Amino acid sequence: MSRWIRLAYFAVWFVFALVLHFALGVLPAFGVVVASAIVYLLITLPARTIPLLSLFILFFAGLLIVSHVTLVIQFVIQKLFLPPLWSNDGLFWASVILAPISEELLKLAPLVLLVLIWNGTRARATFSATDVMLCGLAIGAGFELFEDMLGGPARTYAWSLVYGSPVVPSVEVATTRGRPDVVFIGHAASTAFMGLALGWARYFKTPLRYAPVLIALTWMTWTHLLYNGQEDFARGHFFFLTAPLTWMTPWFFFLAALGTALFEWFLRHYRATPVERAYAQRARLSLNLGSFFTWLETRRLLRQLAYARIWVRANRGDREKLEPRVRDIVTQLENNVAQLTRA
């Protein structure tokens, strides 16, 4: 698929999403998602290798697939195992217990599936922790918008760096006397948080490398459960002992995302090979639209080459398997640099 066809495809689906959310009355929520996407694409630009079209497809997967699968599973469990929804017990079990557990698990599931698929492709070595985080952000943003369509956007606290801003999209805050009481980071950021923890597994070799994602899953589920159940427990209940920690979650996510992007930028440049430096010097930006997109693609390929080098240095046994894929990257780089030189 050529670059211009991909752009046209993206434009058509973007307009479709815009019209759909306008018709459903949740256009402001869609605006927050777009603003958040811009913020994180800029923050992660030095470390990102995943194509934008892939993120757009994952956004629609969260909007149309993950959300509906979650609804079906919740419906089946409610009908077969839980008290009826017209009872207080039924509402409690459905909202406070079933919803947080099922939603966080099912938002994480496609990320785990992606990582398993990537194990058989060059993405295993050339994608970063930042890329997995962005995949989670895209899936979670789609899921968030589906929920907004059903019940309207969640109310937030006052505007600040995280609350009510695109930095951490759709933070949900319960207030008591005008101050934040319980915070849920929102579906987009919670899925991105779990994706970031899953992506960090590439930098560890021990059997405990997946411990961070299990901790992130537990923490996101607990804060979600705490937020949904805030009106079902007295304020002195032990249930609220961890409530103050929920205020820090949006900040922790933002700083972790920013720190990971900076760390991976440093890692890419640390002990870079002469080949990488040569291509970086030859890839010049020209002032026309076609060469601009070629330049962006060249920078993305350079990042893939750097991550492959980092992976091979840490996993010597994969060198032979990765060599053909690295040659493919170099071939694409050579073609792009030749186009930039002619431009």
C-alpha atoms as a PDB file:
ATOM      1  CA  MET A   1       0.000   0.000   0.000  1.00  0.00           C
ATOM      2  CA  SER A   2       1.555   3.320  -1.060  1.00  0.00           C
ATOM      3  CA  ARG A   3       2.012   6.254   1.291  1.00  0.00           C
ATOM      4  CA  TRP A   4      -0.706   8.326  -0.415  1.00  0.00           C
ATOM      5  CA  ILE A   5      -3.221   5.483  -0.287  1.00  0.00           C
ATOM      6  CA  ARG A   6      -2.512   5.093   3.430  1.00  0.00           C
ATOM      7  CA  LEU A   7      -3.049   8.839   3.937  1.00  0.00           C
ATOM      8  CA  ALA A   8      -6.324   8.743   2.012  1.00  0.00           C
ATOM      9  CA  TYR A   9      -7.432   5.706   4.030  1.00  0.00           C
ATOM     10  CA  PHE A  10      -6.602   7.504   7.264  1.00  0.00           C
ATOM     11  CA  ALA A  11      -8.439  10.672   6.154  1.00  0.00           C
ATOM     12  CA  VAL A  12     -11.621   8.782   5.213  1.00  0.00           C
ATOM     13  CA  TRP A  13     -11.795   6.945   8.532  1.00  0.00           C
ATOM     14  CA  PHE A  14     -10.949  10.098  10.499  1.00  0.00           C
ATOM     15  CA  VAL A  15     -13.836  11.974   8.850  1.00  0.00           C
ATOM     16  CA  PHE A  16     -16.095   8.971   9.506  1.00  0.00           C
ATOM     17  CA  ALA A  17     -15.132   8.996  13.213  1.00  0.00           C
ATOM     18  CA  LEU A  18     -15.648  12.761  13.376  1.00  0.00           C
ATOM     19  CA  VAL A  19     -19.140  12.585  11.867  1.00  0.00           C
ATOM     20  CA  LEU A  20     -20.082   9.587  14.025  1.00  0.00           C
ATOM     21  CA  HIS A  21     -19.116  11.273  17.282  1.00  0.00           C
ATOM     22  CA  PHE A  22     -20.789  14.526  16.238  1.00  0.00           C
ATOM     23  CA  ALA A  23     -24.014  12.641  15.500  1.00  0.00           C
ATOM     24  CA  LEU A  24     -23.850  10.895  18.890  1.00  0.00           C
ATOM     25  CA  GLY A  25     -23.182  14.147  20.763  1.00  0.00           C
ATOM     26  CA  VAL A  26     -19.746  13.188  22.094  1.00  0.00           C
ATOM     27  CA  LEU A  27     -17.606  15.294  19.778  1.00  0.00           C
ATOM     28  CA  PRO A  28     -15.801  17.021  22.737  1.00  0.00           C
ATOM     29  CA  ALA A  29     -14.700  13.590  23.999  1.00  0.00           C
ATOM     30  CA  PHE A  30     -13.371  12.791  20.534  1.00  0.00           C
ATOM     31  CA  GLY A  31     -11.524  16.124  20.599  1.00  0.00           C
ATOM     32  CA  VAL A  32      -9.814  15.156  23.872  1.00  0.00           C
ATOM     33  CA  VAL A  33      -8.694  11.868  22.306  1.00  0.00           C
ATOM     34  CA  VAL A  34      -7.277  13.650  19.254  1.00  0.00           C
ATOM     35  CA  ALA A  35      -5.480  16.214  21.432  1.00  0.00           C
ATOM     36  CA  SER A  36      -4.075  13.433  23.645  1.00  0.00           C
ATOM     37  CA  ALA A  37      -2.918  11.502  20.581  1.00  0.00           C
ATOM     38  CA  ILE A  38      -1.043  14.568  19.343  1.00  0.00           C
ATOM     39  CA  VAL A  39       0.557  15.117  22.768  1.00  0.00           C
ATOM     40  CA  TYR A  40       1.809  11.528  23.086  1.00  0.00           C
ATOM     41  CA  LEU A  41       2.885  11.202  19.463  1.00  0.00           C
ATOM     42  CA  LEU A  42       5.054  14.283  19.991  1.00  0.00           C
ATOM     43  CA  ILE A  43       6.384  13.140  23.378  1.00  0.00           C
ATOM     44  CA  THR A  44       7.273   9.701  22.060  1.00  0.00           C
ATOM     45  CA  LEU A  45       8.545  10.789  18.633  1.00  0.00           C
ATOM     46  CA  PRO A  46      12.240  10.166  19.499  1.00  0.00           C
ATOM     47  CA  ALA A  47      11.441   6.559  20.523  1.00  0.00           C
ATOM     48  CA  ARG A  48       8.429   5.500  18.436  1.00  0.00           C
ATOM     49  CA  THR A  49       8.700   3.026  15.546  1.00  0.00           C
ATOM     50  CA  ILE A  50       5.122   1.786  15.094  1.00  0.00           C
ATOM     51  CA  PRO A  51       3.337   3.241  12.026  1.00  0.00           C
ATOM     52  CA  LEU A  52       0.516   5.715  12.682  1.00  0.00           C
ATOM     53  CA  LEU A  53      -1.897   3.680  10.570  1.00  0.00           C
ATOM     54  CA  SER A  54      -1.419   0.708  12.913  1.00  0.00           C
ATOM     55  CA  LEU A  55      -2.360   2.880  15.904  1.00  0.00           C
ATOM     56  CA  PHE A  56      -5.438   4.128  14.060  1.00  0.00           C
ATOM     57  CA  ILE A  57      -6.521   0.537  13.362  1.00  0.00           C
ATOM     58  CA  LEU A  58      -6.003  -0.349  17.041  1.00  0.00           C
ATOM     59  CA  PHE A  59      -8.133   2.645  18.023  1.00  0.00           C
ATOM     60  CA  PHE A  60     -11.010   1.221  15.976  1.00  0.00           C
ATOM     61  CA  ALA A  61     -10.319  -2.228  17.440  1.00  0.00           C
ATOM     62  CA  GLY A  62     -10.844  -0.748  20.918  1.00  0.00           C
ATOM     63  CA  LEU A  63     -13.937   1.155  19.761  1.00  0.00           C
ATOM     64  CA  LEU A  64     -15.646  -1.630  17.815  1.00  0.00           C
ATOM     65  CA  ILE A  65     -14.229  -4.980  18.972  1.00  0.00           C
ATOM     66  CA  VAL A  66     -12.791  -4.879  22.506  1.00  0.00           C
ATOM     67  CA  SER A  67     -15.732  -2.824  23.804  1.00  0.00           C
ATOM     68  CA  HIS A  68     -18.382  -5.122  22.313  1.00  0.00           C
ATOM     69  CA  VAL A  69     -16.631  -8.331  23.363  1.00  0.00           C
ATOM     70  CA  THR A  70     -16.454  -6.908  26.892  1.00  0.00           C
ATOM     71  CA  LEU A  71     -20.175  -6.108  26.848  1.00  0.00           C
ATOM     72  CA  VAL A  72     -21.074  -9.623  25.682  1.00  0.00           C
ATOM     73  CA  ILE A  73     -18.906 -11.291  28.341  1.00  0.00           C
ATOM     74  CA  GLN A  74     -20.323  -9.047  31.053  1.00  0.00           C
ATOM     75  CA  PHE A  75     -23.876  -9.792  29.895  1.00  0.00           C
ATOM     76  CA  VAL A  76     -23.296 -13.548  29.954  1.00  0.00           C
ATOM     77  CA  ILE A  77     -21.680 -13.492  33.413  1.00  0.00           C
ATOM     78  CA  GLN A  78     -24.456 -11.286  34.795  1.00  0.00           C
ATOM     79  CA  LYS A  79     -27.154 -13.581  33.450  1.00  0.00           C
ATOM     80  CA  LEU A  80     -25.541 -16.840  34.569  1.00  0.00           C
ATOM     81  CA  PHE A  81     -23.743 -16.071  37.817  1.00  0.00           C
ATOM     82  CA  LEU A  82     -24.778 -12.728  39.383  1.00  0.00           C
ATOM     83  CA  PRO A  83     -27.901 -11.465  41.125  1.00  0.00           C
ATOM     84  CA  PRO A  84     -30.372  -9.641  38.832  1.00  0.00           C
ATOM     85  CA  LEU A  85     -29.480  -6.032  37.956  1.00  0.00           C
ATOM     86  CA  TRP A  86     -32.705  -4.630  39.414  1.00  0.00           C
ATOM     87  CA  SER A  87     -31.421  -5.585  42.903  1.00  0.00           C
ATOM     88  CA  ASN A  88     -28.834  -3.675  44.929  1.00  0.00           C
ATOM     89  CA  ASP A  89     -26.635  -6.763  45.104  1.00  0.00           C
ATOM     90  CA  GLY A  90     -26.817  -7.163  41.349  1.00  0.00           C
ATOM     91  CA  LEU A  91     -25.849  -3.539  40.718  1.00  0.00           C
ATOM     92  CA  PHE A  92     -22.986  -3.807  43.215  1.00  0.00           C
ATOM     93  CA  TRP A  93     -21.522  -6.967  41.704  1.00  0.00           C
ATOM     94  CA  ALA A  94     -21.943  -5.731  38.137  1.00  0.00           C
ATOM     95  CA  SER A  95     -20.534  -2.225  38.624  1.00  0.00           C
ATOM     96  CA  VAL A  96     -18.014  -2.579  41.445  1.00  0.00           C
ATOM     97  CA  ILE A  97     -16.648  -6.084  40.871  1.00  0.00           C
ATOM     98  CA  LEU A  98     -17.390  -7.362  37.356  1.00  0.00           C
ATOM     99  CA  ALA A  99     -16.883  -4.157  35.356  1.00  0.00           C
ATOM    100  CA  PRO A 100     -13.359  -3.234  36.597  1.00  0.00           C
ATOM    101  CA  ILE A 101     -11.999  -6.787  36.456  1.00  0.00           C
ATOM    102  CA  SER A 102     -13.420  -7.671  33.039  1.00  0.00           C
ATOM    103  CA  GLU A 103     -12.644  -4.326  31.413  1.00  0.00           C
ATOM    104  CA  GLU A 104      -9.023  -4.112  32.528  1.00  0.00           C
ATOM    105  CA  LEU A 105      -8.358  -7.766  31.636  1.00  0.00           C
ATOM    106  CA  LEU A 106      -9.969  -7.485  28.212  1.00  0.00           C
ATOM    107  CA  LYS A 107      -8.144  -4.243  27.387  1.00  0.00           C
ATOM    108  CA  LEU A 108      -4.840  -5.918  28.264  1.00  0.00           C
ATOM    109  CA  ALA A 109      -5.648  -9.086  26.272  1.00  0.00           C
ATOM    110  CA  PRO A 110      -5.119  -7.581  22.772  1.00  0.00           C
ATOM    111  CA  LEU A 111      -1.773  -6.132  23.890  1.00  0.00           C
ATOM    112  CA  VAL A 112      -0.631  -9.570  25.049  1.00  0.00           C
ATOM    113  CA  LEU A 113      -1.863 -11.022  21.742  1.00  0.00           C
ATOM    114  CA  LEU A 114       0.094  -8.377  19.800  1.00  0.00           C
ATOM    115  CA  VAL A 115       3.286  -9.162  21.693  1.00  0.00           C
ATOM    116  CA  LEU A 116       2.818 -12.890  21.015  1.00  0.00           C
ATOM    117  CA  ILE A 117       2.311 -12.198  17.291  1.00  0.00           C
ATOM    118  CA  TRP A 118       5.342  -9.897  17.218  1.00  0.00           C
ATOM    119  CA  ASN A 119       7.513 -12.731  18.546  1.00  0.00           C
ATOM    120  CA  GLY A 120       7.423 -14.229  15.057  1.00  0.00           C
ATOM    121  CA  THR A 121       8.178 -10.981  13.207  1.00  0.00           C
ATOM    122  CA  ARG A 122      10.883  -8.346  13.195  1.00  0.00           C
ATOM    123  CA  ALA A 123       8.693  -6.226  15.495  1.00  0.00           C
ATOM    124  CA  ARG A 124       9.913  -8.336  18.418  1.00  0.00           C
ATOM    125  CA  ALA A 125      13.337  -6.732  18.153  1.00  0.00           C
ATOM    126  CA  THR A 126      12.509  -3.419  16.483  1.00  0.00           C
ATOM    127  CA  PHE A 127       9.551  -2.190  18.531  1.00  0.00           C
ATOM    128  CA  SER A 128      10.088  -0.364  21.815  1.00  0.00           C
ATOM    129  CA  ALA A 129       8.309  -0.220  25.162  1.00  0.00           C
ATOM    130  CA  THR A 130       6.990   3.134  23.970  1.00  0.00           C
ATOM    131  CA  ASP A 131       5.363   1.412  20.984  1.00  0.00           C
ATOM    132  CA  VAL A 132       3.499  -1.061  23.197  1.00  0.00           C
ATOM    133  CA  MET A 133       2.357   1.846  25.372  1.00  0.00           C
ATOM    134  CA  LEU A 134       0.995   3.682  22.310  1.00  0.00           C
ATOM    135  CA  CYS A 135      -0.831   0.518  21.229  1.00  0.00           C
ATOM    136  CA  GLY A 136      -2.474   0.446  24.662  1.00  0.00           C
ATOM    137  CA  LEU A 137      -3.329   4.140  24.429  1.00  0.00           C
ATOM    138  CA  ALA A 138      -5.012   3.605  21.045  1.00  0.00           C
ATOM    139  CA  ILE A 139      -7.042   0.585  22.229  1.00  0.00           C
ATOM    140  CA  GLY A 140      -8.006   2.287  25.484  1.00  0.00           C
ATOM    141  CA  ALA A 141      -8.997   5.524  23.720  1.00  0.00           C
ATOM    142  CA  GLY A 142     -11.364   3.600  21.460  1.00  0.00           C
ATOM    143  CA  PHE A 143     -12.821   1.775  24.464  1.00  0.00           C
ATOM    144  CA  GLU A 144     -13.186   5.109  26.308  1.00  0.00           C
ATOM    145  CA  LEU A 145     -15.096   6.688  23.444  1.00  0.00           C
ATOM    146  CA  PHE A 146     -17.463   3.720  23.258  1.00  0.00           C
ATOM    147  CA  GLU A 147     -18.241   4.180  26.938  1.00  0.00           C
ATOM    148  CA  ASP A 148     -18.753   7.915  26.355  1.00  0.00           C
ATOM    149  CA  MET A 149     -21.262   7.107  23.620  1.00  0.00           C
ATOM    150  CA  LEU A 150     -23.264   4.989  26.065  1.00  0.00           C
ATOM    151  CA  GLY A 151     -23.186   7.220  29.126  1.00  0.00           C
ATOM    152  CA  GLY A 152     -21.608  10.541  28.168  1.00  0.00           C
ATOM    153  CA  PRO A 153     -18.075  11.724  29.007  1.00  0.00           C
ATOM    154  CA  ALA A 154     -16.998  11.319  32.643  1.00  0.00           C
ATOM    155  CA  ARG A 155     -16.782  14.531  34.652  1.00  0.00           C
ATOM    156  CA  THR A 156     -13.333  15.574  35.746  1.00  0.00           C
ATOM    157  CA  TYR A 157     -11.942  17.803  38.465  1.00  0.00           C
ATOM    158  CA  ALA A 158     -10.525  21.241  37.594  1.00  0.00           C
ATOM    159  CA  TRP A 159      -8.229  21.719  34.587  1.00  0.00           C
ATOM    160  CA  SER A 160      -4.557  21.239  35.410  1.00  0.00           C
ATOM    161  CA  LEU A 161      -1.547  19.481  33.913  1.00  0.00           C
ATOM    162  CA  VAL A 162      -3.268  16.117  34.266  1.00  0.00           C
ATOM    163  CA  TYR A 163      -6.868  16.604  35.423  1.00  0.00           C
ATOM    164  CA  GLY A 164      -9.066  17.600  32.518  1.00  0.00           C
ATOM    165  CA  SER A 165      -6.169  18.022  30.073  1.00  0.00           C
ATOM    166  CA  PRO A 166      -4.931  15.954  27.102  1.00  0.00           C
ATOM    167  CA  VAL A 167      -1.802  14.933  29.061  1.00  0.00           C
ATOM    168  CA  VAL A 168      -3.707  12.135  30.788  1.00  0.00           C
ATOM    169  CA  PRO A 169      -6.944  11.720  28.805  1.00  0.00           C
ATOM    170  CA  SER A 170     -10.315  11.153  30.472  1.00  0.00           C
ATOM    171  CA  VAL A 171      -9.176  11.114  34.099  1.00  0.00           C
ATOM    172  CA  GLU A 172     -12.249  10.462  36.249  1.00  0.00           C
ATOM    173  CA  VAL A 173     -12.282  12.184  39.619  1.00  0.00           C
ATOM    174  CA  ALA A 174     -14.757  11.942  42.478  1.00  0.00           C
ATOM    175  CA  THR A 175     -14.760  15.065  44.641  1.00  0.00           C
ATOM    176  CA  THR A 176     -15.597  15.714  48.275  1.00  0.00           C
ATOM    177  CA  ARG A 177     -15.814  19.372  49.346  1.00  0.00           C
ATOM    178  CA  GLY A 178     -14.277  20.393  46.042  1.00  0.00           C
ATOM    179  CA  ARG A 179     -11.148  18.282  46.488  1.00  0.00           C
ATOM    180  CA  PRO A 180     -10.220  15.043  44.711  1.00  0.00           C
ATOM    181  CA  ASP A 181     -11.222  12.001  46.717  1.00  0.00           C
ATOM    182  CA  VAL A 182     -10.836   8.994  44.384  1.00  0.00           C
ATOM    183  CA  VAL A 183      -9.199   9.111  40.956  1.00  0.00           C
ATOM    184  CA  PHE A 184      -9.471   6.595  38.118  1.00  0.00           C
ATOM    185  CA  ILE A 185      -6.901   7.297  35.457  1.00  0.00           C
ATOM    186  CA  GLY A 186      -9.366   6.557  32.625  1.00  0.00           C
ATOM    187  CA  HIS A 187      -9.535   3.730  30.103  1.00  0.00           C
ATOM    188  CA  ALA A 188      -7.067   5.235  27.625  1.00  0.00           C
ATOM    189  CA  ALA A 189      -4.326   5.920  30.148  1.00  0.00           C
ATOM    190  CA  SER A 190      -4.917   2.717  32.156  1.00  0.00           C
ATOM    191  CA  THR A 191      -4.462   0.577  29.031  1.00  0.00           C
ATOM    192  CA  ALA A 192      -1.412   2.629  28.055  1.00  0.00           C
ATOM    193  CA  PHE A 193      -0.017   2.148  31.578  1.00  0.00           C
ATOM    194  CA  MET A 194      -0.375  -1.641  31.281  1.00  0.00           C
ATOM    195  CA  GLY A 195       1.110  -1.510  27.783  1.00  0.00           C
ATOM    196  CA  LEU A 196       4.107   0.426  29.054  1.00  0.00           C
ATOM    197  CA  ALA A 197       4.694  -2.161  31.796  1.00  0.00           C
ATOM    198  CA  LEU A 198       4.357  -4.961  29.231  1.00  0.00           C
ATOM    199  CA  GLY A 199       6.775  -3.208  26.879  1.00  0.00           C
ATOM    200  CA  TRP A 200       9.412  -2.949  29.590  1.00  0.00           C
ATOM    201  CA  ALA A 201       9.639  -6.755  29.595  1.00  0.00           C
ATOM    202  CA  ARG A 202      11.921  -6.481  26.528  1.00  0.00           C
ATOM    203  CA  TYR A 203      14.645  -5.004  28.746  1.00  0.00           C
ATOM    204  CA  PHE A 204      14.643  -7.828  31.323  1.00  0.00           C
ATOM    205  CA  LYS A 205      15.735 -11.451  31.006  1.00  0.00           C
ATOM    206  CA  THR A 206      14.593 -12.879  34.329  1.00  0.00           C
ATOM    207  CA  PRO A 207      11.362 -14.878  34.740  1.00  0.00           C
ATOM    208  CA  LEU A 208      10.052 -11.867  36.693  1.00  0.00           C
ATOM    209  CA  ARG A 209      10.145  -9.608  33.612  1.00  0.00           C
ATOM    210  CA  TYR A 210       6.349  -9.751  33.408  1.00  0.00           C
ATOM    211  CA  ALA A 211       5.899  -8.770  37.054  1.00  0.00           C
ATOM    212  CA  PRO A 212       5.520  -5.041  36.172  1.00  0.00           C
ATOM    213  CA  VAL A 213       2.535  -5.689  33.898  1.00  0.00           C
ATOM    214  CA  LEU A 214       0.871  -7.871  36.553  1.00  0.00           C
ATOM    215  CA  ILE A 215       1.385  -5.092  39.099  1.00  0.00           C
ATOM    216  CA  ALA A 216       0.030  -2.519  36.629  1.00  0.00           C
ATOM    217  CA  LEU A 217      -3.017  -4.716  35.901  1.00  0.00           C
ATOM    218  CA  THR A 218      -3.708  -5.146  39.613  1.00  0.00           C
ATOM    219  CA  TRP A 219      -3.297  -1.430  40.329  1.00  0.00           C
ATOM    220  CA  MET A 220      -5.476  -0.291  37.406  1.00  0.00           C
ATOM    221  CA  THR A 221      -8.179  -2.812  38.373  1.00  0.00           C
ATOM    222  CA  TRP A 222      -8.087  -1.747  42.016  1.00  0.00           C
ATOM    223  CA  THR A 223      -8.331   1.990  41.289  1.00  0.00           C
ATOM    224  CA  HIS A 224     -11.143   1.294  38.823  1.00  0.00           C
ATOM    225  CA  LEU A 225     -12.941  -0.804  41.440  1.00  0.00           C
ATOM    226  CA  LEU A 226     -12.367   1.874  44.073  1.00  0.00           C
ATOM    227  CA  TYR A 227     -13.763   4.575  41.797  1.00  0.00           C
ATOM    228  CA  ASN A 228     -16.857   2.559  40.873  1.00  0.00           C
ATOM    229  CA  GLY A 229     -17.524   1.543  44.474  1.00  0.00           C
ATOM    230  CA  GLN A 230     -16.943   4.866  46.219  1.00  0.00           C
ATOM    231  CA  GLU A 231     -20.638   5.349  47.025  1.00  0.00           C
ATOM    232  CA  ASP A 232     -21.112   1.815  48.342  1.00  0.00           C
ATOM    233  CA  PHE A 233     -18.732   2.099  51.314  1.00  0.00           C
ATOM    234  CA  ALA A 234     -18.486   4.498  54.229  1.00  0.00           C
ATOM    235  CA  ARG A 235     -15.576   6.942  54.062  1.00  0.00           C
ATOM    236  CA  GLY A 236     -13.907   5.310  57.066  1.00  0.00           C
ATOM    237  CA  HIS A 237     -13.964   1.869  55.472  1.00  0.00           C
ATOM    238  CA  PHE A 238     -10.562   0.203  54.929  1.00  0.00           C
ATOM    239  CA  PHE A 239     -11.535   0.160  51.252  1.00  0.00           C
ATOM    240  CA  PHE A 240     -10.448   3.825  51.102  1.00  0.00           C
ATOM    241  CA  LEU A 241      -6.998   3.380  52.655  1.00  0.00           C
ATOM    242  CA  THR A 242      -5.396   3.427  49.223  1.00  0.00           C
ATOM    243  CA  ALA A 243      -7.518   6.310  47.901  1.00  0.00           C
ATOM    244  CA  PRO A 244      -4.777   8.957  48.382  1.00  0.00           C
ATOM    245  CA  LEU A 245      -2.434   6.901  46.201  1.00  0.00           C
ATOM    246  CA  THR A 246      -4.928   7.102  43.333  1.00  0.00           C
ATOM    247  CA  TRP A 247      -4.278  10.861  43.085  1.00  0.00           C
ATOM    248  CA  MET A 248      -0.685  10.118  42.136  1.00  0.00           C
ATOM    249  CA  THR A 249      -1.533   7.587  39.405  1.00  0.00           C
ATOM    250  CA  PRO A 250      -2.030  10.094  36.536  1.00  0.00           C
ATOM    251  CA  TRP A 251       1.229  11.829  37.430  1.00  0.00           C
ATOM    252  CA  PHE A 252       3.065   8.540  37.727  1.00  0.00           C
ATOM    253  CA  PHE A 253       1.819   7.429  34.321  1.00  0.00           C
ATOM    254  CA  PHE A 254       2.779  10.691  32.623  1.00  0.00           C
ATOM    255  CA  LEU A 255       6.260  10.733  34.171  1.00  0.00           C
ATOM    256  CA  ALA A 256       6.767   7.028  33.386  1.00  0.00           C
ATOM    257  CA  ALA A 257       5.787   7.589  29.737  1.00  0.00           C
ATOM    258  CA  LEU A 258       8.024  10.648  29.433  1.00  0.00           C
ATOM    259  CA  GLY A 259      10.906   8.918  31.229  1.00  0.00           C
ATOM    260  CA  THR A 260      10.642   5.819  29.028  1.00  0.00           C
ATOM    261  CA  ALA A 261      10.706   7.903  25.845  1.00  0.00           C
ATOM    262  CA  LEU A 262      13.832   9.746  27.081  1.00  0.00           C
ATOM    263  CA  PHE A 263      15.484   6.503  28.192  1.00  0.00           C
ATOM    264  CA  GLU A 264      14.868   4.857  24.840  1.00  0.00           C
ATOM    265  CA  TRP A 265      16.111   7.949  22.988  1.00  0.00           C
ATOM    266  CA  PHE A 266      19.350   7.720  24.986  1.00  0.00           C
ATOM    267  CA  LEU A 267      19.556   3.965  24.436  1.00  0.00           C
ATOM    268  CA  ARG A 268      19.235   4.418  20.666  1.00  0.00           C
ATOM    269  CA  HIS A 269      22.136   6.843  20.519  1.00  0.00           C
ATOM    270  CA  TYR A 270      24.372   5.058  23.033  1.00  0.00           C
ATOM    271  CA  ARG A 271      27.036   3.036  21.171  1.00  0.00           C
ATOM    272  CA  ALA A 272      25.335   3.620  17.807  1.00  0.00           C
ATOM    273  CA  THR A 273      27.033   1.834  14.904  1.00  0.00           C
ATOM    274  CA  PRO A 274      28.845   3.708  12.091  1.00  0.00           C
ATOM    275  CA  VAL A 275      26.120   2.490   9.689  1.00  0.00           C
ATOM    276  CA  GLU A 276      23.395   4.153  11.764  1.00  0.00           C
ATOM    277  CA  ARG A 277      25.351   7.399  12.026  1.00  0.00           C
ATOM    278  CA  ALA A 278      26.051   7.406   8.283  1.00  0.00           C
ATOM    279  CA  TYR A 279      22.388   6.994   7.355  1.00  0.00           C
ATOM    280  CA  ALA A 280      21.368   9.650   9.896  1.00  0.00           C
ATOM    281  CA  GLN A 281      23.796  12.132   8.296  1.00  0.00           C
ATOM    282  CA  ARG A 282      22.651  11.303   4.761  1.00  0.00           C
ATOM    283  CA  ALA A 283      18.928  11.608   5.560  1.00  0.00           C
ATOM    284  CA  ARG A 284      18.378  15.300   4.834  1.00  0.00           C
ATOM    285  CA  LEU A 285      14.998  16.991   5.140  1.00  0.00           C
ATOM    286  CA  SER A 286      13.841  18.801   1.998  1.00  0.00           C
ATOM    287  CA  LEU A 287      11.077  21.392   1.827  1.00  0.00           C
ATOM    288  CA  ASN A 288       8.423  19.460  -0.070  1.00  0.00           C
ATOM    289  CA  LEU A 289       5.594  17.246   1.155  1.00  0.00           C
ATOM    290  CA  GLY A 290       6.701  14.010  -0.507  1.00  0.00           C
ATOM    291  CA  SER A 291      10.248  14.154   0.814  1.00  0.00           C
ATOM    292  CA  PHE A 292       8.975  15.154   4.263  1.00  0.00           C
ATOM    293  CA  PHE A 293       7.056  11.890   4.587  1.00  0.00           C
ATOM    294  CA  THR A 294      10.052   9.988   3.221  1.00  0.00           C
ATOM    295  CA  TRP A 295      12.239  11.679   5.838  1.00  0.00           C
ATOM    296  CA  LEU A 296       9.806  10.731   8.634  1.00  0.00           C
ATOM    297  CA  GLU A 297       9.790   7.116   7.412  1.00  0.00           C
ATOM    298  CA  THR A 298      13.606   7.150   7.270  1.00  0.00           C
ATOM    299  CA  ARG A 299      13.826   8.316  10.883  1.00  0.00           C
ATOM    300  CA  ARG A 300      11.407   5.549  11.886  1.00  0.00           C
ATOM    301  CA  LEU A 301      13.538   2.944  10.098  1.00  0.00           C
ATOM    302  CA  LEU A 302      16.654   4.280  11.829  1.00  0.00           C
ATOM    303  CA  ARG A 303      14.950   3.774  15.164  1.00  0.00           C
ATOM    304  CA  GLN A 304      14.051   0.205  14.172  1.00  0.00           C
ATOM    305  CA  LEU A 305      17.675  -0.439  13.221  1.00  0.00           C
ATOM    306  CA  ALA A 306      18.823   0.909  16.597  1.00  0.00           C
ATOM    307  CA  TYR A 307      16.374  -1.264  18.557  1.00  0.00           C
ATOM    308  CA  ALA A 308      17.474  -4.314  16.551  1.00  0.00           C
ATOM    309  CA  ARG A 309      21.080  -3.546  17.482  1.00  0.00           C
ATOM    310  CA  ILE A 310      20.119  -3.194  21.162  1.00  0.00           C
ATOM    311  CA  TRP A 311      18.176  -6.459  21.024  1.00  0.00           C
ATOM    312  CA  VAL A 312      20.997  -8.443  19.407  1.00  0.00           C
ATOM    313  CA  ARG A 313      23.549  -7.181  21.939  1.00  0.00           C
ATOM    314  CA  ALA A 314      21.303  -8.433  24.738  1.00  0.00           C
ATOM    315  CA  ASN A 315      20.150 -11.611  22.940  1.00  0.00           C
ATOM    316  CA  ARG A 316      23.128 -12.996  21.004  1.00  0.00           C
ATOM    317  CA  GLY A 317      21.228 -16.132  20.053  1.00  0.00           C
ATOM    318  CA  ASP A 318      18.837 -14.112  17.864  1.00  0.00           C
ATOM    319  CA  ARG A 319      21.580 -12.644  15.656  1.00  0.00           C
ATOM    320  CA  GLU A 320      21.241 -15.180  12.845  1.00  0.00           C
ATOM    321  CA  LYS A 321      17.434 -14.998  12.837  1.00  0.00           C
ATOM    322  CA  LEU A 322      17.455 -11.197  12.736  1.00  0.00           C
ATOM    323  CA  GLU A 323      20.064 -10.740  10.019  1.00  0.00           C
ATOM    324  CA  PRO A 324      17.601 -11.055   7.065  1.00  0.00           C
ATOM    325  CA  ARG A 325      15.225  -8.603   8.747  1.00  0.00           C
ATOM    326  CA  VAL A 326      17.990  -6.122   9.441  1.00  0.00           C
ATOM    327  CA  ARG A 327      19.009  -6.370   5.781  1.00  0.00           C
ATOM    328  CA  ASP A 328      15.415  -5.505   4.826  1.00  0.00           C
ATOM    329  CA  ILE A 329      15.576  -2.393   7.017  1.00  0.00           C
ATOM    330  CA  VAL A 330      18.907  -1.383   5.467  1.00  0.00           C
ATOM    331  CA  THR A 331      17.488  -1.862   1.963  1.00  0.00           C
ATOM    332  CA  GLN A 332      14.517   0.361   2.787  1.00  0.00           C
ATOM    333  CA  LEU A 333      16.854   2.928   4.319  1.00  0.00           C
ATOM    334  CA  GLU A 334      19.028   2.938   1.221  1.00  0.00           C
ATOM    335  CA  ASN A 335      16.019   3.493  -1.035  1.00  0.00           C
ATOM    336  CA  ASN A 336      14.673   6.312   1.161  1.00  0.00           C
ATOM    337  CA  VAL A 337      18.028   8.054   1.436  1.00  0.00           C
ATOM    338  CA  ALA A 338      18.402   7.848  -2.349  1.00  0.00           C
ATOM    339  CA  GLN A 339      15.003   9.537  -2.751  1.00  0.00           C
ATOM    340  CA  LEU A 340      15.951  12.272  -0.264  1.00  0.00           C
ATOM    341  CA  THR A 341      19.248  12.848  -2.050  1.00  0.00           C
ATOM    342  CA  ARG A 342      17.471  13.272  -5.397  1.00  0.00           C
ATOM    343  CA  ALA A 343      14.962  15.657  -3.805  1.00  0.00           C
END
